[in-house]
Amino acid sequence: MICLREHKNHSIINYEDIILSEEDNKKEINRIKDYINKFNNNINDIIKLLEKVKDNMNIYYKIYNNIINNYNYENINYEILYNINEFNKYNNIVIKDINEIINDNNINNKFTNILNIYNRMNISNNEYNNKINYKFEKEPNKLKYKYDITNTNDSYGINDIFEVFISYKDNKEYIISPNINNYNLDIFTLLDNKKIKSLNGHKNNINIVKYFINNKDYNEYLISADNNKIVIIWDITNNYNIKYQINTRYNNNNNNNIYSCLLVFPHYNNDNYIITSTSSTSDDNDNSATKIYSLNNGYFIKYINNSNNNEIRYLLSWYNKKNNKYYIIQLAREKIIINDLLEDELYSELIHQPEGDHCSGFIYNIDNNDYLCFSTTNGYINIWDLYNKNIFKVINTNNCYLYHIIQWNNKYIIVADCDNKCFKIINLENEIIKDIKKQHTSGVKCIKKIYHPKYGESLLSADSDDTIKLWSIN
């Protein structure tokens, strides 16, 4: 028999006399044992489920990164990278919580943490699922001017005179733009427009800056080019240090700019590439306007052949999933030339009427078919079926001088109109065109679609008055 009585030393706690028979005592102990066993079994079952969740999270992680491996980062939408980073951040938090629960020996802590992770996963899943669609959902016709973000020497540029990106290493959004007062590249946080860094290395006006991430090792790079035909690769992962500074001139002639450049990271080998194109080849006596350099050592590799040494105004890279090959798409003055990345193979030459200079383009996929959409200086927007090598759609904007073009979603595209000091929102279904002229005082040359950390689905535009403007729906 067990007898519990109040002791003088424990006067704060008042116990009533409790008398239990030995048999009752054993029953109570067994009941507690059964309860503990059931609780432990439940906890173990939950932990098994959590282990499965952790495995699934890792599977999702591999799936999403496999999706990225099948895209070319030259053409990838900004929102894809944003969502991948959001997923990876969320994925790491969940796995960390699960590991803490599994490794914690305190049952009460396990139970509390399981409830916390359950609640967090429900909330995070809802938030994440709202952002998972990389194609913007809201109507671009509702874009409203917010404010000027920063200055840029856009008058020197062709299309990619500024860049917006979300850094994989810290999951923050940035905008980078040439400084109009010197030859530096200034980096600002997109959320609060604070300058965090200034990159010094160019000695002439900068006309291109673009962001790339290597989906094999997640190293991040900026590539920039100036009027001296100097290309600089900046290693973001290594504190934005200069990785390579490449003189793309054949001789010391300073004439003519670099029109376009990009980085390519083929998934089927360990080589990575720098691609550049110049505005002309006659002064340099080069074999081609388009050149390939190694990103691994900075050395020149080869020229990309194109007929008649056409001036290449814009470069795109395209991964052809049907034959597992990478191609370089060269937007020349009067035609589109598509070559194999490394082999001397011409995939196609696309010639359209009426002729006009090609300024910008992008590649998108619908129903497992790849399309090339590009703008021209005589007001036409052409969409080509890349697999069937034929015209899919032609839109006439009536002799406008069109520069940069982007995809908002499968229904809308947006293009910069230099002549009319606006950007145009074009409905691909009915070809209705809406001009957004407010706040623009000169020709619009560069536009970028972004997911703003505060305003959500947004647009940045740069015109020749040297300002970058923010437009948002929210």
Protein backbone atom coordinates (compact mmCIF):
# COMPACT_ATOMS: atom_id res chain seq x y z
CA MET A 1 0.00 0.00 0.00
CA ILE A 2 1.22 3.49 -0.83
CA CYS A 3 0.34 6.39 1.41
CA LEU A 4 0.98 10.01 0.43
CA ARG A 5 0.70 12.66 3.12
CA GLU A 6 1.49 16.32 3.36
CA HIS A 7 4.93 17.04 4.80
CA LYS A 8 5.89 20.15 6.69
CA ASN A 9 8.64 20.96 4.25
CA HIS A 10 6.09 20.97 1.40
CA SER A 11 3.44 23.17 2.94
CA ILE A 12 2.93 25.11 -0.29
CA ILE A 13 1.37 22.07 -1.97
CA ASN A 14 -1.70 20.61 -0.31
CA TYR A 15 -2.20 16.91 -0.82
CA GLU A 16 -5.13 14.91 0.33
CA ASP A 17 -4.43 11.50 1.72
CA ILE A 18 -4.45 9.02 -1.12
CA ILE A 19 -4.58 5.38 -0.30
CA LEU A 20 -4.23 2.85 -3.09
CA SER A 21 -4.20 -0.87 -2.88
CA GLU A 22 -1.24 -2.69 -4.42
CA GLU A 23 -3.55 -4.12 -7.06
CA ASP A 24 -4.89 -0.69 -7.96
CA ASN A 25 -1.39 0.66 -8.05
CA LYS A 26 -0.30 -2.01 -10.54
CA LYS A 27 -3.34 -1.26 -12.71
CA GLU A 28 -2.48 2.43 -12.76
CA ILE A 29 1.14 1.71 -13.62
CA ASN A 30 0.07 -0.61 -16.44
CA ARG A 31 -2.36 2.01 -17.72
CA ILE A 32 0.43 4.56 -17.78
CA LYS A 33 2.72 2.06 -19.54
CA ASP A 34 0.04 1.37 -22.12
CA TYR A 35 -0.50 5.09 -22.61
CA ILE A 36 3.23 5.72 -22.99
CA ASN A 37 3.57 2.82 -25.41
CA LYS A 38 0.66 4.07 -27.49
CA PHE A 39 2.01 7.60 -27.39
CA ASN A 40 5.45 6.38 -28.40
CA ASN A 41 3.94 4.30 -31.17
CA ASN A 42 2.01 7.37 -32.39
CA ILE A 43 5.12 9.49 -32.19
CA ASN A 44 7.07 6.84 -34.10
CA ASP A 45 4.33 6.65 -36.71
CA ILE A 46 4.41 10.42 -37.06
CA ILE A 47 8.20 10.39 -37.29
CA LYS A 48 7.98 7.76 -40.02
CA LEU A 49 5.61 10.07 -41.87
CA LEU A 50 7.99 12.95 -41.32
CA GLU A 51 10.83 10.85 -42.68
CA LYS A 52 8.68 10.23 -45.73
CA VAL A 53 7.94 13.96 -45.99
CA LYS A 54 11.67 14.66 -45.82
CA ASP A 55 12.33 12.12 -48.55
CA ASN A 56 9.56 13.66 -50.65
CA MET A 57 10.97 17.15 -50.11
CA ASN A 58 14.32 15.95 -51.40
CA ILE A 59 12.59 14.34 -54.35
CA TYR A 60 10.77 17.60 -55.09
CA TYR A 61 14.06 19.43 -54.79
CA LYS A 62 15.60 17.13 -57.41
CA ILE A 63 12.56 17.42 -59.65
CA TYR A 64 12.58 21.20 -59.64
CA ASN A 65 16.29 21.37 -60.24
CA ASN A 66 15.90 18.82 -63.01
CA ILE A 67 13.34 21.15 -64.57
CA ILE A 68 15.90 23.93 -64.36
CA ASN A 69 18.48 21.67 -66.01
CA ASN A 70 16.19 21.38 -69.03
CA TYR A 71 15.91 25.14 -69.41
CA ASN A 72 18.41 27.54 -70.82
CA TYR A 73 19.07 30.35 -68.39
CA GLU A 74 19.39 32.87 -71.17
CA ASN A 75 15.68 32.49 -71.82
CA ILE A 76 14.38 31.43 -68.44
CA ASN A 77 11.74 33.60 -66.86
CA TYR A 78 12.74 35.53 -63.77
CA GLU A 79 9.85 33.99 -61.83
CA ILE A 80 11.11 30.43 -62.35
CA LEU A 81 14.30 31.24 -60.52
CA TYR A 82 12.35 33.13 -57.87
CA ASN A 83 10.10 30.14 -57.26
CA ILE A 84 12.97 27.65 -57.24
CA ASN A 85 14.72 29.75 -54.61
CA GLU A 86 11.50 30.05 -52.61
CA PHE A 87 11.04 26.30 -52.77
CA ASN A 88 14.63 25.54 -51.80
CA LYS A 89 14.46 27.95 -48.88
CA TYR A 90 11.19 26.43 -47.69
CA ASN A 91 12.52 22.91 -48.35
CA ASN A 92 15.60 23.51 -46.19
CA ILE A 93 13.52 24.90 -43.32
CA VAL A 94 11.18 21.91 -43.32
CA ILE A 95 14.01 19.37 -43.44
CA LYS A 96 15.83 21.17 -40.62
CA ASP A 97 12.67 21.06 -38.46
CA ILE A 98 12.10 17.39 -39.22
CA ASN A 99 15.67 16.53 -38.27
CA GLU A 100 15.31 18.40 -34.97
CA ILE A 101 12.15 16.48 -34.16
CA ILE A 102 13.69 13.12 -35.01
CA ASN A 103 16.83 13.80 -32.99
CA ASP A 104 15.05 15.27 -29.96
CA ASN A 105 14.74 12.79 -27.06
CA ASN A 106 12.11 14.84 -25.25
CA ILE A 107 8.67 13.47 -26.09
CA ASN A 108 6.90 16.70 -25.18
CA ASN A 109 9.22 18.65 -27.47
CA LYS A 110 8.58 16.16 -30.25
CA PHE A 111 4.84 16.57 -29.89
CA THR A 112 4.98 20.38 -29.81
CA ASN A 113 7.39 20.59 -32.74
CA ILE A 114 5.28 18.20 -34.79
CA LEU A 115 2.29 20.51 -34.34
CA ASN A 116 4.42 23.52 -35.25
CA ILE A 117 5.80 21.96 -38.40
CA TYR A 118 2.33 20.80 -39.42
CA ASN A 119 1.00 24.35 -39.10
CA ARG A 120 4.00 25.85 -40.85
CA MET A 121 3.82 23.40 -43.74
CA ASN A 122 0.15 24.18 -44.29
CA ILE A 123 0.79 27.93 -44.36
CA SER A 124 3.94 27.70 -46.46
CA ASN A 125 2.34 25.32 -48.95
CA ASN A 126 -0.50 27.76 -49.56
CA GLU A 127 1.91 30.69 -49.96
CA TYR A 128 4.20 28.73 -52.22
CA ASN A 129 1.44 27.34 -54.40
CA ASN A 130 0.24 30.88 -55.05
CA LYS A 131 3.65 31.68 -56.57
CA ILE A 132 4.49 28.41 -58.27
CA ASN A 133 3.09 29.42 -61.66
CA TYR A 134 6.00 31.25 -63.30
CA LYS A 135 3.68 32.77 -65.90
CA PHE A 136 2.20 35.94 -64.42
CA GLU A 137 -1.51 35.67 -63.75
CA LYS A 138 -2.68 39.28 -63.48
CA GLU A 139 -3.69 41.43 -66.44
CA PRO A 140 -0.74 43.58 -67.60
CA ASN A 141 -3.23 46.20 -68.82
CA LYS A 142 -3.57 47.20 -65.17
CA LEU A 143 0.10 48.11 -64.77
CA LYS A 144 0.46 51.49 -63.04
CA TYR A 145 3.54 53.68 -62.64
CA LYS A 146 5.02 53.54 -59.12
CA TYR A 147 8.25 55.54 -59.10
CA ASP A 148 11.69 55.94 -60.66
CA ILE A 149 14.15 53.40 -59.26
CA THR A 150 17.55 54.58 -60.49
CA ASN A 151 19.42 56.07 -63.40
CA THR A 152 21.10 54.24 -66.26
CA ASN A 153 23.04 55.25 -69.36
CA ASP A 154 20.43 53.57 -71.53
CA SER A 155 21.25 55.78 -74.49
CA TYR A 156 24.38 53.64 -75.00
CA GLY A 157 22.59 50.33 -74.85
CA ILE A 158 20.70 48.07 -77.19
CA ASN A 159 18.45 45.97 -74.95
CA ASP A 160 20.01 44.50 -71.82
CA ILE A 161 21.29 47.75 -70.38
CA PHE A 162 20.12 46.83 -66.88
CA GLU A 163 19.32 43.54 -65.15
CA VAL A 164 17.17 42.31 -62.29
CA PHE A 165 17.89 39.04 -60.53
CA ILE A 166 17.28 37.12 -57.35
CA SER A 167 20.53 35.85 -55.91
CA TYR A 168 20.64 32.16 -55.14
CA LYS A 169 23.11 32.67 -52.31
CA ASP A 170 20.94 34.98 -50.19
CA ASN A 171 17.49 34.79 -51.84
CA LYS A 172 17.29 38.58 -52.22
CA GLU A 173 16.23 40.63 -55.24
CA TYR A 174 18.66 43.03 -56.89
CA ILE A 175 18.83 45.41 -59.80
CA ILE A 176 22.14 46.25 -61.48
CA SER A 177 22.64 49.23 -63.76
CA PRO A 178 25.56 51.18 -65.31
CA ASN A 179 26.33 54.42 -63.52
CA ILE A 180 25.82 57.43 -65.83
CA ASN A 181 28.66 59.36 -64.14
CA ASN A 182 31.38 56.71 -64.46
CA TYR A 183 31.97 53.28 -65.96
CA ASN A 184 30.89 51.32 -62.88
CA LEU A 185 28.01 48.90 -62.39
CA ASP A 186 25.85 49.81 -59.39
CA ILE A 187 23.87 47.12 -57.57
CA PHE A 188 20.71 48.06 -55.67
CA THR A 189 18.32 46.07 -53.50
CA LEU A 190 14.97 45.95 -55.23
CA LEU A 191 12.97 46.09 -52.00
CA ASP A 192 14.29 49.39 -50.63
CA ASN A 193 16.40 50.71 -53.54
CA LYS A 194 19.64 50.85 -51.52
CA LYS A 195 22.99 50.63 -53.30
CA ILE A 196 25.01 47.74 -51.86
CA LYS A 197 27.94 47.56 -54.24
CA SER A 198 29.67 49.27 -57.14
CA LEU A 199 31.67 47.16 -59.62
CA ASN A 200 34.73 48.81 -61.15
CA GLY A 201 36.45 47.33 -64.20
CA HIS A 202 35.18 48.92 -67.42
CA LYS A 203 36.92 51.86 -69.11
CA ASN A 204 34.17 52.86 -71.51
CA ASN A 205 30.39 53.11 -71.70
CA ILE A 206 28.68 49.87 -70.71
CA ASN A 207 25.97 48.71 -73.09
CA ILE A 208 25.10 45.22 -71.77
CA VAL A 209 24.69 43.60 -68.36
CA LYS A 210 23.05 40.19 -67.86
CA TYR A 211 22.70 37.65 -65.04
CA PHE A 212 23.22 33.87 -65.28
CA ILE A 213 23.30 30.96 -62.88
CA ASN A 214 25.06 27.67 -63.55
CA ASN A 215 22.43 25.05 -62.78
CA LYS A 216 25.14 22.40 -62.30
CA ASP A 217 26.95 23.99 -59.37
CA TYR A 218 24.71 27.04 -58.64
CA ASN A 219 27.52 29.51 -59.16
CA GLU A 220 26.17 32.90 -60.21
CA TYR A 221 27.63 35.30 -62.74
CA LEU A 222 27.14 38.71 -64.28
CA ILE A 223 28.37 39.38 -67.80
CA SER A 224 28.86 42.96 -68.98
CA ALA A 225 30.22 44.53 -72.15
CA ASP A 226 31.39 48.02 -73.09
CA ASN A 227 32.12 50.11 -76.18
CA ASN A 228 35.76 48.97 -76.18
CA LYS A 229 34.53 45.44 -76.95
CA ILE A 230 35.65 44.36 -73.48
CA VAL A 231 33.56 41.65 -71.82
CA ILE A 232 33.83 41.09 -68.06
CA ILE A 233 32.57 38.03 -66.20
CA TRP A 234 31.77 38.85 -62.56
CA ASP A 235 31.68 35.97 -60.06
CA ILE A 236 28.75 36.77 -57.76
CA THR A 237 29.42 33.75 -55.57
CA ASN A 238 32.96 35.04 -54.96
CA ASN A 239 32.00 38.55 -53.81
CA TYR A 240 31.46 39.83 -57.38
CA ASN A 241 35.16 39.50 -58.20
CA ILE A 242 36.24 39.65 -61.84
CA LYS A 243 36.57 36.10 -63.13
CA TYR A 244 37.66 37.05 -66.66
CA GLN A 245 38.19 40.23 -68.63
CA ILE A 246 38.11 39.37 -72.32
CA ASN A 247 39.16 41.59 -75.19
CA THR A 248 36.93 40.43 -78.06
CA ARG A 249 38.62 42.66 -80.66
CA TYR A 250 40.54 40.97 -83.45
CA ASN A 251 42.98 43.89 -83.45
CA ASN A 252 43.23 47.22 -81.63
CA ASN A 253 40.46 48.85 -83.63
CA ASN A 254 37.98 50.39 -81.17
CA ASN A 255 35.12 50.82 -83.64
CA ASN A 256 31.80 49.08 -83.19
CA ASN A 257 30.17 47.72 -80.09
CA ILE A 258 29.33 44.32 -78.72
CA TYR A 259 25.66 43.93 -79.48
CA SER A 260 24.88 40.89 -77.37
CA CYS A 261 26.46 38.29 -75.10
CA LEU A 262 25.40 35.35 -72.98
CA LEU A 263 26.59 32.36 -70.96
CA VAL A 264 25.64 28.76 -71.76
CA PHE A 265 25.87 25.80 -69.36
CA PRO A 266 25.21 22.55 -71.27
CA HIS A 267 24.07 19.82 -68.92
CA TYR A 268 25.75 17.00 -70.86
CA ASN A 269 29.38 18.04 -70.28
CA ASN A 270 31.57 20.01 -67.88
CA ASP A 271 32.35 22.82 -70.31
CA ASN A 272 30.64 26.21 -69.99
CA TYR A 273 30.72 28.92 -72.62
CA ILE A 274 30.76 32.67 -73.19
CA ILE A 275 29.10 33.83 -76.42
CA THR A 276 29.56 37.33 -77.86
CA SER A 277 28.46 39.10 -81.03
CA THR A 278 29.71 42.35 -82.53
CA SER A 279 27.91 44.96 -84.55
CA SER A 280 30.23 44.58 -87.54
CA THR A 281 33.16 42.47 -88.72
CA SER A 282 34.65 44.50 -91.57
CA ASP A 283 37.09 46.52 -89.43
CA ASP A 284 38.29 43.57 -87.38
CA ASN A 285 38.71 41.13 -90.29
CA ASP A 286 37.12 38.45 -88.15
CA ASN A 287 35.73 35.27 -89.62
CA SER A 288 32.37 35.82 -87.93
CA ALA A 289 30.56 38.33 -85.76
CA THR A 290 29.80 35.65 -83.16
CA LYS A 291 32.53 34.11 -80.99
CA ILE A 292 32.70 31.39 -78.33
CA TYR A 293 35.01 31.51 -75.32
CA SER A 294 35.47 29.01 -72.51
CA LEU A 295 34.01 30.03 -69.15
CA ASN A 296 36.35 27.49 -67.54
CA ASN A 297 39.58 29.27 -68.58
CA GLY A 298 38.57 32.37 -70.57
CA TYR A 299 40.23 31.16 -73.81
CA PHE A 300 38.82 31.70 -77.29
CA ILE A 301 37.36 28.48 -78.74
CA LYS A 302 35.83 29.17 -82.14
CA TYR A 303 33.64 31.31 -84.35
CA ILE A 304 30.02 30.49 -84.97
CA ASN A 305 29.51 30.46 -88.69
CA ASN A 306 26.82 32.52 -90.33
CA SER A 307 26.35 33.22 -94.00
CA ASN A 308 27.58 36.58 -95.36
CA ASN A 309 28.90 37.68 -91.95
CA ASN A 310 25.58 39.23 -90.95
CA GLU A 311 25.52 41.78 -88.15
CA ILE A 312 24.21 39.91 -85.14
CA ARG A 313 22.00 42.20 -83.07
CA TYR A 314 20.85 39.75 -80.39
CA LEU A 315 21.82 36.28 -79.14
CA LEU A 316 19.72 33.53 -77.60
CA SER A 317 20.58 29.98 -76.66
CA TRP A 318 18.12 27.15 -77.14
CA TYR A 319 18.14 23.62 -75.82
CA ASN A 320 16.41 21.34 -78.32
CA LYS A 321 14.91 18.62 -76.13
CA LYS A 322 14.07 16.44 -79.12
CA ASN A 323 17.67 15.91 -80.23
CA ASN A 324 19.43 16.83 -76.95
CA LYS A 325 21.47 19.62 -78.53
CA TYR A 326 22.20 23.24 -77.69
CA TYR A 327 21.90 25.90 -80.35
CA ILE A 328 22.84 29.56 -80.63
CA ILE A 329 20.14 31.71 -82.19
CA GLN A 330 21.57 34.76 -83.92
CA LEU A 331 19.15 37.59 -84.64
CA ALA A 332 20.74 39.28 -87.63
CA ARG A 333 19.57 42.31 -89.55
CA GLU A 334 17.42 40.52 -92.07
CA LYS A 335 17.29 36.90 -90.93
CA ILE A 336 17.48 34.53 -87.98
CA ILE A 337 20.42 32.10 -88.03
CA ILE A 338 20.36 29.01 -85.79
CA ASN A 339 23.64 27.11 -85.39
CA ASP A 340 24.77 24.19 -83.28
CA LEU A 341 26.67 25.43 -80.23
CA LEU A 342 29.91 23.54 -80.95
CA GLU A 343 29.50 21.74 -84.25
CA ASP A 344 29.58 23.55 -87.60
CA GLU A 345 25.97 22.68 -88.26
CA LEU A 346 23.32 25.09 -89.53
CA TYR A 347 19.96 24.14 -88.02
CA SER A 348 17.94 26.72 -89.88
CA GLU A 349 17.86 30.19 -91.41
CA LEU A 350 14.57 31.96 -90.88
CA ILE A 351 13.81 34.72 -93.36
CA HIS A 352 10.68 36.80 -93.08
CA GLN A 353 8.96 39.54 -95.03
CA PRO A 354 8.99 42.46 -94.79
CA GLU A 355 12.63 42.68 -93.83
CA GLY A 356 13.78 44.63 -90.80
CA ASP A 357 16.47 44.64 -88.13
CA HIS A 358 15.89 42.20 -85.31
CA CYS A 359 16.40 43.75 -81.88
CA SER A 360 15.29 41.24 -79.25
CA GLY A 361 13.55 37.93 -78.70
CA PHE A 362 12.66 35.15 -76.31
CA ILE A 363 11.80 31.44 -76.45
CA TYR A 364 8.76 29.92 -74.81
CA ASN A 365 7.09 26.53 -74.70
CA ILE A 366 3.44 25.62 -75.28
CA ASP A 367 2.25 22.02 -75.40
CA ASN A 368 5.83 20.72 -75.60
CA ASN A 369 6.59 22.85 -78.63
CA ASP A 370 9.19 25.63 -78.62
CA TYR A 371 8.51 29.01 -80.19
CA LEU A 372 10.77 31.97 -80.93
CA CYS A 373 9.18 35.40 -80.57
CA PHE A 374 11.15 38.42 -81.78
CA SER A 375 10.70 42.12 -82.52
CA THR A 376 11.83 44.15 -85.53
CA THR A 377 12.64 47.78 -86.22
CA ASN A 378 9.84 48.07 -88.77
CA GLY A 379 7.07 47.27 -86.30
CA TYR A 380 6.58 43.53 -86.78
CA ILE A 381 6.46 40.86 -84.09
CA ASN A 382 7.14 37.41 -85.49
CA ILE A 383 6.59 34.07 -83.78
CA TRP A 384 8.34 31.05 -85.28
CA ASP A 385 7.77 27.37 -84.60
CA LEU A 386 11.33 26.21 -83.92
CA TYR A 387 10.72 22.51 -84.45
CA ASN A 388 8.72 22.83 -87.65
CA LYS A 389 10.80 25.83 -88.84
CA ASN A 390 7.85 27.89 -90.02
CA ILE A 391 5.90 31.03 -89.13
CA PHE A 392 3.36 30.60 -86.34
CA LYS A 393 2.08 34.19 -86.08
CA VAL A 394 2.90 37.69 -87.35
CA ILE A 395 1.65 40.86 -85.65
CA ASN A 396 1.97 44.30 -87.26
CA THR A 397 2.23 47.30 -84.93
CA ASN A 398 2.29 49.77 -87.85
CA ASN A 399 5.90 50.76 -88.48
CA CYS A 400 6.94 51.21 -84.86
CA TYR A 401 10.62 50.97 -83.95
CA LEU A 402 10.46 48.00 -81.58
CA TYR A 403 13.26 47.18 -79.17
CA HIS A 404 13.13 44.82 -76.21
CA ILE A 405 10.37 42.20 -76.09
CA ILE A 406 9.31 39.96 -73.19
CA GLN A 407 6.64 37.38 -72.41
CA TRP A 408 4.14 38.24 -69.66
CA ASN A 409 2.32 34.91 -70.03
CA ASN A 410 0.91 32.76 -72.82
CA LYS A 411 -1.71 35.42 -73.57
CA TYR A 412 0.31 38.65 -73.43
CA ILE A 413 3.66 39.94 -74.63
CA ILE A 414 5.12 43.38 -73.92
CA VAL A 415 7.47 45.24 -76.24
CA ALA A 416 9.41 48.51 -75.94
CA ASP A 417 8.45 51.10 -78.59
CA CYS A 418 11.30 53.56 -79.12
CA ASP A 419 9.54 55.83 -81.63
CA ASN A 420 6.36 56.42 -79.63
CA LYS A 421 7.93 56.72 -76.14
CA CYS A 422 5.93 53.84 -74.67
CA PHE A 423 5.76 50.14 -74.16
CA LYS A 424 3.09 48.12 -75.89
CA ILE A 425 0.96 45.40 -74.29
CA ILE A 426 -0.16 42.94 -76.97
CA ASN A 427 -2.89 40.36 -76.56
CA LEU A 428 -1.84 37.36 -78.64
CA GLU A 429 -5.38 36.00 -78.85
CA ASN A 430 -7.05 39.01 -80.45
CA GLU A 431 -3.94 41.08 -81.31
CA ILE A 432 -5.28 44.12 -79.46
CA ILE A 433 -2.44 46.54 -78.71
CA LYS A 434 -2.40 48.95 -75.77
CA ASP A 435 0.21 51.71 -75.47
CA ILE A 436 1.47 52.71 -72.01
CA LYS A 437 2.87 56.21 -72.52
CA LYS A 438 2.44 57.86 -69.13
CA GLN A 439 5.71 58.96 -67.45
CA HIS A 440 7.87 58.19 -70.49
CA THR A 441 9.59 61.26 -71.93
CA SER A 442 11.77 59.54 -74.52
CA GLY A 443 12.10 56.28 -76.44
CA VAL A 444 11.73 53.12 -74.36
CA LYS A 445 14.55 50.66 -75.03
CA CYS A 446 14.62 48.04 -72.28
CA ILE A 447 11.89 46.33 -70.25
CA LYS A 448 12.13 43.57 -67.64
CA LYS A 449 9.43 41.49 -65.99
CA ILE A 450 9.98 40.99 -62.27
CA TYR A 451 8.30 39.62 -59.17
CA HIS A 452 8.80 42.56 -56.85
CA PRO A 453 9.27 41.62 -53.14
CA LYS A 454 6.70 44.26 -52.13
CA TYR A 455 4.41 44.78 -55.14
CA GLY A 456 4.41 41.32 -56.71
CA GLU A 457 3.95 41.07 -60.49
CA SER A 458 5.67 44.15 -61.89
CA LEU A 459 7.57 45.61 -64.82
CA LEU A 460 10.70 47.77 -65.13
CA SER A 461 11.21 50.05 -68.11
CA ALA A 462 14.21 52.16 -69.15
CA ASP A 463 14.09 54.95 -71.68
CA SER A 464 16.60 57.35 -73.16
CA ASP A 465 16.13 59.93 -70.40
CA ASP A 466 18.35 57.64 -68.31
CA THR A 467 15.76 56.49 -65.76
CA ILE A 468 14.42 53.07 -64.80
CA LYS A 469 10.75 53.12 -63.88
CA LEU A 470 8.78 50.64 -61.79
CA TRP A 471 5.29 49.60 -62.89
CA SER A 472 3.06 47.39 -60.80
CA ILE A 473 -0.47 46.02 -60.66
CA ASN A 474 -0.75 45.93 -56.85
